[in-house]
Amino acid sequence: MPLRRAKVEPEPPVMTWRKAAPVLAVAGIFDFLRLLCIFFWFLGPALAAIYCVNKVSGWVGSLWGLTATVCAATSGAAGIAASEITIPLGAILADAAALIGFLTLGMIIIMSNKRILKTVTSAPLQFTAAFGVSAIPFIGSVLPAFTFILWRLYRGQIRVEKAAHKKWGEETAAARKETRNQQQAQLLQQQAVIQAQTAQEAANDEAFAQTENEENISPEEEPLAA
């Protein structure tokens, strides 16, 4: 009887934090770039103060700190004028960093870990929501949306795939045990068949030898009839 092997599924892949670390690092870089764009919101007064200190100090010197004090007092008005340029610039740069980060991270995920879209069914929605949050002026630049959302997605994927791999290991062990039991049963059956054949051949040989002995008895050696 042919051996029926138990079906063994191929080993499922498992995501680990070590594999997810490079993607999270890239997400952290884009979150940090968006955070840097916030400084453009405060760059107007700072530039005005720096310009004032450098310009006036070149004329009359520091005057025991009077130059810095006067510039700090007058940089507010000058900073408001400069902020009309720096604030929109910061918002544009933050949105650009969010868009580039969204496209770059999306491409990396699709190329290296596409199965996350099946493992975590809400992954596209959550990742899109991260882009929406990061596009909010000022507030979105403070929140590490990409890093946080991807961390949640990878955590869910790791949990699901580890559970699936554990189940696969248990099923594989059971299938291999079943195969070994079938092999042992088949081996015992073959041994029983061989023993039966050997016993039958021995019996046939004995019967054949006895028949030859009877045929070889001469008529003189046969007992006389009474």
C-alpha atoms as a PDB file:
ATOM      1  CA  MET A   1       0.000   0.000   0.000  1.00  0.00           C
ATOM      2  CA  PRO A   2       1.527   3.351  -0.997  1.00  0.00           C
ATOM      3  CA  LEU A   3       2.409   5.743   1.819  1.00  0.00           C
ATOM      4  CA  ARG A   4       0.041   8.692   2.159  1.00  0.00           C
ATOM      5  CA  ARG A   5       2.074  11.642   3.365  1.00  0.00           C
ATOM      6  CA  ALA A   6       0.382  14.286   5.471  1.00  0.00           C
ATOM      7  CA  LYS A   7       0.145  17.664   3.757  1.00  0.00           C
ATOM      8  CA  VAL A   8       2.683  20.182   5.099  1.00  0.00           C
ATOM      9  CA  GLU A   9       2.209  23.860   4.241  1.00  0.00           C
ATOM     10  CA  PRO A  10       5.285  25.981   3.430  1.00  0.00           C
ATOM     11  CA  GLU A  11       6.699  28.006   6.296  1.00  0.00           C
ATOM     12  CA  PRO A  12       4.947  31.401   6.540  1.00  0.00           C
ATOM     13  CA  PRO A  13       7.131  34.527   6.692  1.00  0.00           C
ATOM     14  CA  VAL A  14       7.370  36.413   9.964  1.00  0.00           C
ATOM     15  CA  MET A  15       8.021  40.138  10.338  1.00  0.00           C
ATOM     16  CA  THR A  16      10.446  41.129  13.101  1.00  0.00           C
ATOM     17  CA  TRP A  17      11.384  44.436  14.678  1.00  0.00           C
ATOM     18  CA  ARG A  18      14.839  44.044  13.191  1.00  0.00           C
ATOM     19  CA  LYS A  19      13.340  44.011   9.693  1.00  0.00           C
ATOM     20  CA  ALA A  20      11.005  46.890  10.513  1.00  0.00           C
ATOM     21  CA  ALA A  21      13.728  49.092  12.036  1.00  0.00           C
ATOM     22  CA  PRO A  22      15.022  50.580   8.722  1.00  0.00           C
ATOM     23  CA  VAL A  23      11.521  51.662   7.660  1.00  0.00           C
ATOM     24  CA  LEU A  24      10.838  53.167  11.078  1.00  0.00           C
ATOM     25  CA  ALA A  25      14.163  55.007  10.845  1.00  0.00           C
ATOM     26  CA  VAL A  26      13.159  56.536   7.502  1.00  0.00           C
ATOM     27  CA  ALA A  27       9.803  57.520   8.987  1.00  0.00           C
ATOM     28  CA  GLY A  28      11.625  59.157  11.893  1.00  0.00           C
ATOM     29  CA  ILE A  29      13.786  61.156   9.477  1.00  0.00           C
ATOM     30  CA  PHE A  30      10.738  62.584   7.681  1.00  0.00           C
ATOM     31  CA  ASP A  31       9.031  63.365  10.990  1.00  0.00           C
ATOM     32  CA  PHE A  32      12.178  65.184  12.103  1.00  0.00           C
ATOM     33  CA  LEU A  33      12.305  67.162   8.848  1.00  0.00           C
ATOM     34  CA  ARG A  34       8.710  68.271   9.371  1.00  0.00           C
ATOM     35  CA  LEU A  35       9.622  69.291  12.920  1.00  0.00           C
ATOM     36  CA  LEU A  36      12.468  71.430  11.604  1.00  0.00           C
ATOM     37  CA  CYS A  37      10.017  73.273   9.395  1.00  0.00           C
ATOM     38  CA  ILE A  38       8.366  74.666  12.529  1.00  0.00           C
ATOM     39  CA  PHE A  39      11.416  76.855  13.115  1.00  0.00           C
ATOM     40  CA  PHE A  40      10.484  78.837  10.034  1.00  0.00           C
ATOM     41  CA  TRP A  41       7.452  80.038  12.004  1.00  0.00           C
ATOM     42  CA  PHE A  42       9.790  81.679  14.525  1.00  0.00           C
ATOM     43  CA  LEU A  43      12.558  82.478  12.091  1.00  0.00           C
ATOM     44  CA  GLY A  44      11.310  85.996  11.291  1.00  0.00           C
ATOM     45  CA  PRO A  45      11.942  87.571  14.734  1.00  0.00           C
ATOM     46  CA  ALA A  46      15.184  85.624  15.122  1.00  0.00           C
ATOM     47  CA  LEU A  47      16.529  86.835  11.782  1.00  0.00           C
ATOM     48  CA  ALA A  48      15.510  90.407  12.578  1.00  0.00           C
ATOM     49  CA  ALA A  49      17.284  90.294  15.952  1.00  0.00           C
ATOM     50  CA  ILE A  50      20.439  88.745  14.490  1.00  0.00           C
ATOM     51  CA  TYR A  51      20.516  91.285  11.685  1.00  0.00           C
ATOM     52  CA  CYS A  52      20.023  94.145  14.126  1.00  0.00           C
ATOM     53  CA  VAL A  53      22.776  93.003  16.497  1.00  0.00           C
ATOM     54  CA  ASN A  54      25.290  92.487  13.704  1.00  0.00           C
ATOM     55  CA  LYS A  55      24.435  95.741  11.947  1.00  0.00           C
ATOM     56  CA  VAL A  56      24.341  98.026  14.969  1.00  0.00           C
ATOM     57  CA  SER A  57      27.350  96.378  16.601  1.00  0.00           C
ATOM     58  CA  GLY A  58      29.292  97.229  13.488  1.00  0.00           C
ATOM     59  CA  TRP A  59      28.435 100.870  13.990  1.00  0.00           C
ATOM     60  CA  VAL A  60      28.705 101.601  17.691  1.00  0.00           C
ATOM     61  CA  GLY A  61      29.808  98.385  19.374  1.00  0.00           C
ATOM     62  CA  SER A  62      27.962  96.540  22.056  1.00  0.00           C
ATOM     63  CA  LEU A  63      27.607  99.500  24.481  1.00  0.00           C
ATOM     64  CA  TRP A  64      27.641  97.252  27.534  1.00  0.00           C
ATOM     65  CA  GLY A  65      24.857  95.061  26.145  1.00  0.00           C
ATOM     66  CA  LEU A  66      22.639  97.962  25.111  1.00  0.00           C
ATOM     67  CA  THR A  67      22.754  96.920  21.454  1.00  0.00           C
ATOM     68  CA  ALA A  68      21.328  93.452  22.133  1.00  0.00           C
ATOM     69  CA  THR A  69      18.646  94.892  24.420  1.00  0.00           C
ATOM     70  CA  VAL A  70      17.501  97.443  21.886  1.00  0.00           C
ATOM     71  CA  CYS A  71      17.500  94.871  19.095  1.00  0.00           C
ATOM     72  CA  ALA A  72      15.525  92.420  21.165  1.00  0.00           C
ATOM     73  CA  ALA A  73      12.944  95.123  21.837  1.00  0.00           C
ATOM     74  CA  THR A  74      12.670  96.242  18.233  1.00  0.00           C
ATOM     75  CA  SER A  75      12.905  92.812  16.562  1.00  0.00           C
ATOM     76  CA  GLY A  76       9.245  92.102  17.269  1.00  0.00           C
ATOM     77  CA  ALA A  77       7.951  94.552  14.719  1.00  0.00           C
ATOM     78  CA  ALA A  78      10.613  93.603  12.201  1.00  0.00           C
ATOM     79  CA  GLY A  79       9.947  89.954  12.847  1.00  0.00           C
ATOM     80  CA  ILE A  80       6.268  90.328  12.041  1.00  0.00           C
ATOM     81  CA  ALA A  81       7.180  91.626   8.619  1.00  0.00           C
ATOM     82  CA  ALA A  82       9.701  88.830   8.059  1.00  0.00           C
ATOM     83  CA  SER A  83       7.227  86.211   9.327  1.00  0.00           C
ATOM     84  CA  GLU A  84       4.947  86.999   6.421  1.00  0.00           C
ATOM     85  CA  ILE A  85       7.553  85.166   4.340  1.00  0.00           C
ATOM     86  CA  THR A  86       8.962  82.588   6.753  1.00  0.00           C
ATOM     87  CA  ILE A  87       5.617  81.224   8.063  1.00  0.00           C
ATOM     88  CA  PRO A  88       4.191  80.357   4.608  1.00  0.00           C
ATOM     89  CA  LEU A  89       7.607  79.013   3.649  1.00  0.00           C
ATOM     90  CA  GLY A  90       7.642  76.759   6.715  1.00  0.00           C
ATOM     91  CA  ALA A  91       4.132  75.519   5.965  1.00  0.00           C
ATOM     92  CA  ILE A  92       5.042  74.753   2.349  1.00  0.00           C
ATOM     93  CA  LEU A  93       8.221  72.929   3.342  1.00  0.00           C
ATOM     94  CA  ALA A  94       6.348  70.914   6.004  1.00  0.00           C
ATOM     95  CA  ASP A  95       3.675  69.874   3.496  1.00  0.00           C
ATOM     96  CA  ALA A  96       6.363  68.997   0.957  1.00  0.00           C
ATOM     97  CA  ALA A  97       8.190  66.852   3.518  1.00  0.00           C
ATOM     98  CA  ALA A  98       4.897  65.148   4.410  1.00  0.00           C
ATOM     99  CA  LEU A  99       4.087  64.410   0.765  1.00  0.00           C
ATOM    100  CA  ILE A 100       7.590  63.151  -0.058  1.00  0.00           C
ATOM    101  CA  GLY A 101       7.614  61.057   3.124  1.00  0.00           C
ATOM    102  CA  PHE A 102       4.206  59.569   2.289  1.00  0.00           C
ATOM    103  CA  LEU A 103       5.281  58.593  -1.228  1.00  0.00           C
ATOM    104  CA  THR A 104       8.721  57.328  -0.178  1.00  0.00           C
ATOM    105  CA  LEU A 105       7.489  55.242   2.742  1.00  0.00           C
ATOM    106  CA  GLY A 106       4.598  53.883   0.694  1.00  0.00           C
ATOM    107  CA  MET A 107       6.970  52.757  -2.050  1.00  0.00           C
ATOM    108  CA  ILE A 108       9.341  51.156   0.483  1.00  0.00           C
ATOM    109  CA  ILE A 109       6.486  49.255   2.141  1.00  0.00           C
ATOM    110  CA  ILE A 110       5.070  48.001  -1.164  1.00  0.00           C
ATOM    111  CA  MET A 111       8.492  46.856  -2.364  1.00  0.00           C
ATOM    112  CA  SER A 112       9.714  45.242   0.861  1.00  0.00           C
ATOM    113  CA  ASN A 113       6.664  44.309   2.921  1.00  0.00           C
ATOM    114  CA  LYS A 114       3.579  44.213   0.734  1.00  0.00           C
ATOM    115  CA  ARG A 115       1.943  41.512   2.855  1.00  0.00           C
ATOM    116  CA  ILE A 116       1.305  44.060   5.617  1.00  0.00           C
ATOM    117  CA  LEU A 117      -1.621  45.269   3.500  1.00  0.00           C
ATOM    118  CA  LYS A 118      -3.224  41.821   3.927  1.00  0.00           C
ATOM    119  CA  THR A 119      -2.098  41.142   7.478  1.00  0.00           C
ATOM    120  CA  VAL A 120      -3.413  44.478   8.770  1.00  0.00           C
ATOM    121  CA  THR A 121      -6.472  45.200   6.666  1.00  0.00           C
ATOM    122  CA  SER A 122      -6.722  48.802   7.862  1.00  0.00           C
ATOM    123  CA  ALA A 123      -3.090  49.581   6.966  1.00  0.00           C
ATOM    124  CA  PRO A 124      -3.867  51.715   3.861  1.00  0.00           C
ATOM    125  CA  LEU A 125      -6.438  53.745   5.790  1.00  0.00           C
ATOM    126  CA  GLN A 126      -4.152  54.305   8.790  1.00  0.00           C
ATOM    127  CA  PHE A 127      -1.165  55.234   6.629  1.00  0.00           C
ATOM    128  CA  THR A 128      -3.287  57.711   4.653  1.00  0.00           C
ATOM    129  CA  ALA A 129      -4.554  59.163   7.937  1.00  0.00           C
ATOM    130  CA  ALA A 130      -0.925  59.668   9.007  1.00  0.00           C
ATOM    131  CA  PHE A 131      -0.349  61.745   5.882  1.00  0.00           C
ATOM    132  CA  GLY A 132      -3.507  63.755   6.598  1.00  0.00           C
ATOM    133  CA  VAL A 133      -2.403  64.490  10.162  1.00  0.00           C
ATOM    134  CA  SER A 134       1.113  65.436   9.052  1.00  0.00           C
ATOM    135  CA  ALA A 135      -0.330  67.942   6.573  1.00  0.00           C
ATOM    136  CA  ILE A 136      -2.057  69.950   9.330  1.00  0.00           C
ATOM    137  CA  PRO A 137      -0.169  73.241   9.744  1.00  0.00           C
ATOM    138  CA  PHE A 138       2.050  73.489  12.824  1.00  0.00           C
ATOM    139  CA  ILE A 139       0.272  70.720  14.809  1.00  0.00           C
ATOM    140  CA  GLY A 140       0.980  68.063  12.184  1.00  0.00           C
ATOM    141  CA  SER A 141       4.651  68.990  12.167  1.00  0.00           C
ATOM    142  CA  VAL A 142       4.938  68.446  15.920  1.00  0.00           C
ATOM    143  CA  LEU A 143       3.320  65.001  15.941  1.00  0.00           C
ATOM    144  CA  PRO A 144       5.501  62.082  14.690  1.00  0.00           C
ATOM    145  CA  ALA A 145       2.580  60.716  12.668  1.00  0.00           C
ATOM    146  CA  PHE A 146       4.542  58.514  10.260  1.00  0.00           C
ATOM    147  CA  THR A 147       6.653  56.884  12.975  1.00  0.00           C
ATOM    148  CA  PHE A 148       3.706  56.291  15.308  1.00  0.00           C
ATOM    149  CA  ILE A 149       1.367  54.837  12.673  1.00  0.00           C
ATOM    150  CA  LEU A 150       4.026  52.576  11.148  1.00  0.00           C
ATOM    151  CA  TRP A 151       5.004  51.384  14.618  1.00  0.00           C
ATOM    152  CA  ARG A 152       1.363  50.406  15.240  1.00  0.00           C
ATOM    153  CA  LEU A 153       1.086  48.675  11.871  1.00  0.00           C
ATOM    154  CA  TYR A 154       4.290  46.689  12.326  1.00  0.00           C
ATOM    155  CA  ARG A 155       3.295  45.732  15.860  1.00  0.00           C
ATOM    156  CA  GLY A 156       0.010  44.331  14.569  1.00  0.00           C
ATOM    157  CA  GLN A 157       1.721  42.495  11.709  1.00  0.00           C
ATOM    158  CA  ILE A 158       4.336  40.957  14.001  1.00  0.00           C
ATOM    159  CA  ARG A 159       1.661  39.762  16.429  1.00  0.00           C
ATOM    160  CA  VAL A 160      -0.485  38.183  13.675  1.00  0.00           C
ATOM    161  CA  GLU A 161       2.408  36.560  11.803  1.00  0.00           C
ATOM    162  CA  LYS A 162       3.976  35.158  14.971  1.00  0.00           C
ATOM    163  CA  ALA A 163       0.657  33.545  15.873  1.00  0.00           C
ATOM    164  CA  ALA A 164       0.342  32.126  12.343  1.00  0.00           C
ATOM    165  CA  HIS A 165       3.906  30.777  12.475  1.00  0.00           C
ATOM    166  CA  LYS A 166       3.253  29.131  15.840  1.00  0.00           C
ATOM    167  CA  LYS A 167       0.125  27.468  14.466  1.00  0.00           C
ATOM    168  CA  TRP A 168       2.076  26.331  11.400  1.00  0.00           C
ATOM    169  CA  GLY A 169       4.741  24.804  13.656  1.00  0.00           C
ATOM    170  CA  GLU A 170       2.165  22.852  15.618  1.00  0.00           C
ATOM    171  CA  GLU A 171       0.413  21.620  12.476  1.00  0.00           C
ATOM    172  CA  THR A 172       3.725  20.706  10.856  1.00  0.00           C
ATOM    173  CA  ALA A 173       4.835  18.743  13.919  1.00  0.00           C
ATOM    174  CA  ALA A 174       1.515  16.865  13.937  1.00  0.00           C
ATOM    175  CA  ALA A 175       1.786  16.140  10.204  1.00  0.00           C
ATOM    176  CA  ARG A 176       5.338  14.852  10.541  1.00  0.00           C
ATOM    177  CA  LYS A 177       4.314  12.656  13.483  1.00  0.00           C
ATOM    178  CA  GLU A 178       1.472  11.244  11.402  1.00  0.00           C
ATOM    179  CA  THR A 179       3.890  10.530   8.566  1.00  0.00           C
ATOM    180  CA  ARG A 180       6.291   8.727  10.924  1.00  0.00           C
ATOM    181  CA  ASN A 181       3.438   6.661  12.336  1.00  0.00           C
ATOM    182  CA  GLN A 182       2.376   5.709   8.826  1.00  0.00           C
ATOM    183  CA  GLN A 183       5.933   4.739   7.946  1.00  0.00           C
ATOM    184  CA  GLN A 184       6.240   2.562  11.057  1.00  0.00           C
ATOM    185  CA  ALA A 185       2.877   0.918  10.369  1.00  0.00           C
ATOM    186  CA  GLN A 186       3.878   0.248   6.763  1.00  0.00           C
ATOM    187  CA  LEU A 187       7.223  -1.170   7.904  1.00  0.00           C
ATOM    188  CA  LEU A 188       5.524  -3.521  10.378  1.00  0.00           C
ATOM    189  CA  GLN A 189       3.074  -4.573   7.684  1.00  0.00           C
ATOM    190  CA  GLN A 190       5.911  -5.334   5.263  1.00  0.00           C
ATOM    191  CA  GLN A 191       7.732  -7.330   7.928  1.00  0.00           C
ATOM    192  CA  ALA A 192       4.561  -9.326   8.634  1.00  0.00           C
ATOM    193  CA  VAL A 193       4.125 -10.048   4.924  1.00  0.00           C
ATOM    194  CA  ILE A 194       7.764 -11.124   4.608  1.00  0.00           C
ATOM    195  CA  GLN A 195       7.459 -13.433   7.641  1.00  0.00           C
ATOM    196  CA  ALA A 196       4.270 -14.953   6.256  1.00  0.00           C
ATOM    197  CA  GLN A 197       5.915 -15.517   2.881  1.00  0.00           C
ATOM    198  CA  THR A 198       8.958 -17.054   4.552  1.00  0.00           C
ATOM    199  CA  ALA A 199       6.781 -19.397   6.624  1.00  0.00           C
ATOM    200  CA  GLN A 200       4.758 -20.372   3.570  1.00  0.00           C
ATOM    201  CA  GLU A 201       7.897 -21.057   1.549  1.00  0.00           C
ATOM    202  CA  ALA A 202       9.293 -23.162   4.396  1.00  0.00           C
ATOM    203  CA  ALA A 203       6.043 -25.137   4.571  1.00  0.00           C
ATOM    204  CA  ASN A 204       6.042 -25.619   0.800  1.00  0.00           C
ATOM    205  CA  ASP A 205       9.655 -26.809   0.882  1.00  0.00           C
ATOM    206  CA  GLU A 206       8.875 -29.287   3.644  1.00  0.00           C
ATOM    207  CA  ALA A 207       5.837 -30.612   1.800  1.00  0.00           C
ATOM    208  CA  PHE A 208       7.819 -30.901  -1.412  1.00  0.00           C
ATOM    209  CA  ALA A 209      10.640 -32.754   0.333  1.00  0.00           C
ATOM    210  CA  GLN A 210       8.190 -35.180   1.920  1.00  0.00           C
ATOM    211  CA  THR A 211       6.540 -35.834  -1.430  1.00  0.00           C
ATOM    212  CA  GLU A 212       9.891 -36.611  -3.040  1.00  0.00           C
ATOM    213  CA  ASN A 213      10.776 -39.021  -0.253  1.00  0.00           C
ATOM    214  CA  GLU A 214       7.516 -40.870  -0.734  1.00  0.00           C
ATOM    215  CA  GLU A 215       8.021 -41.081  -4.504  1.00  0.00           C
ATOM    216  CA  ASN A 216      11.566 -42.401  -4.102  1.00  0.00           C
ATOM    217  CA  ILE A 217      10.495 -45.447  -2.012  1.00  0.00           C
ATOM    218  CA  SER A 218      11.071 -48.605  -4.178  1.00  0.00           C
ATOM    219  CA  PRO A 219       8.368 -51.343  -4.548  1.00  0.00           C
ATOM    220  CA  GLU A 220      10.593 -53.907  -2.739  1.00  0.00           C
ATOM    221  CA  GLU A 221      10.683 -51.664   0.261  1.00  0.00           C
ATOM    222  CA  GLU A 222       6.912 -51.359   0.383  1.00  0.00           C
ATOM    223  CA  PRO A 223       5.309 -53.586   3.081  1.00  0.00           C
ATOM    224  CA  LEU A 224       3.762 -56.821   1.871  1.00  0.00           C
ATOM    225  CA  ALA A 225       0.047 -57.043   1.947  1.00  0.00           C
ATOM    226  CA  ALA A 226      -1.308 -59.487   4.484  1.00  0.00           C
END
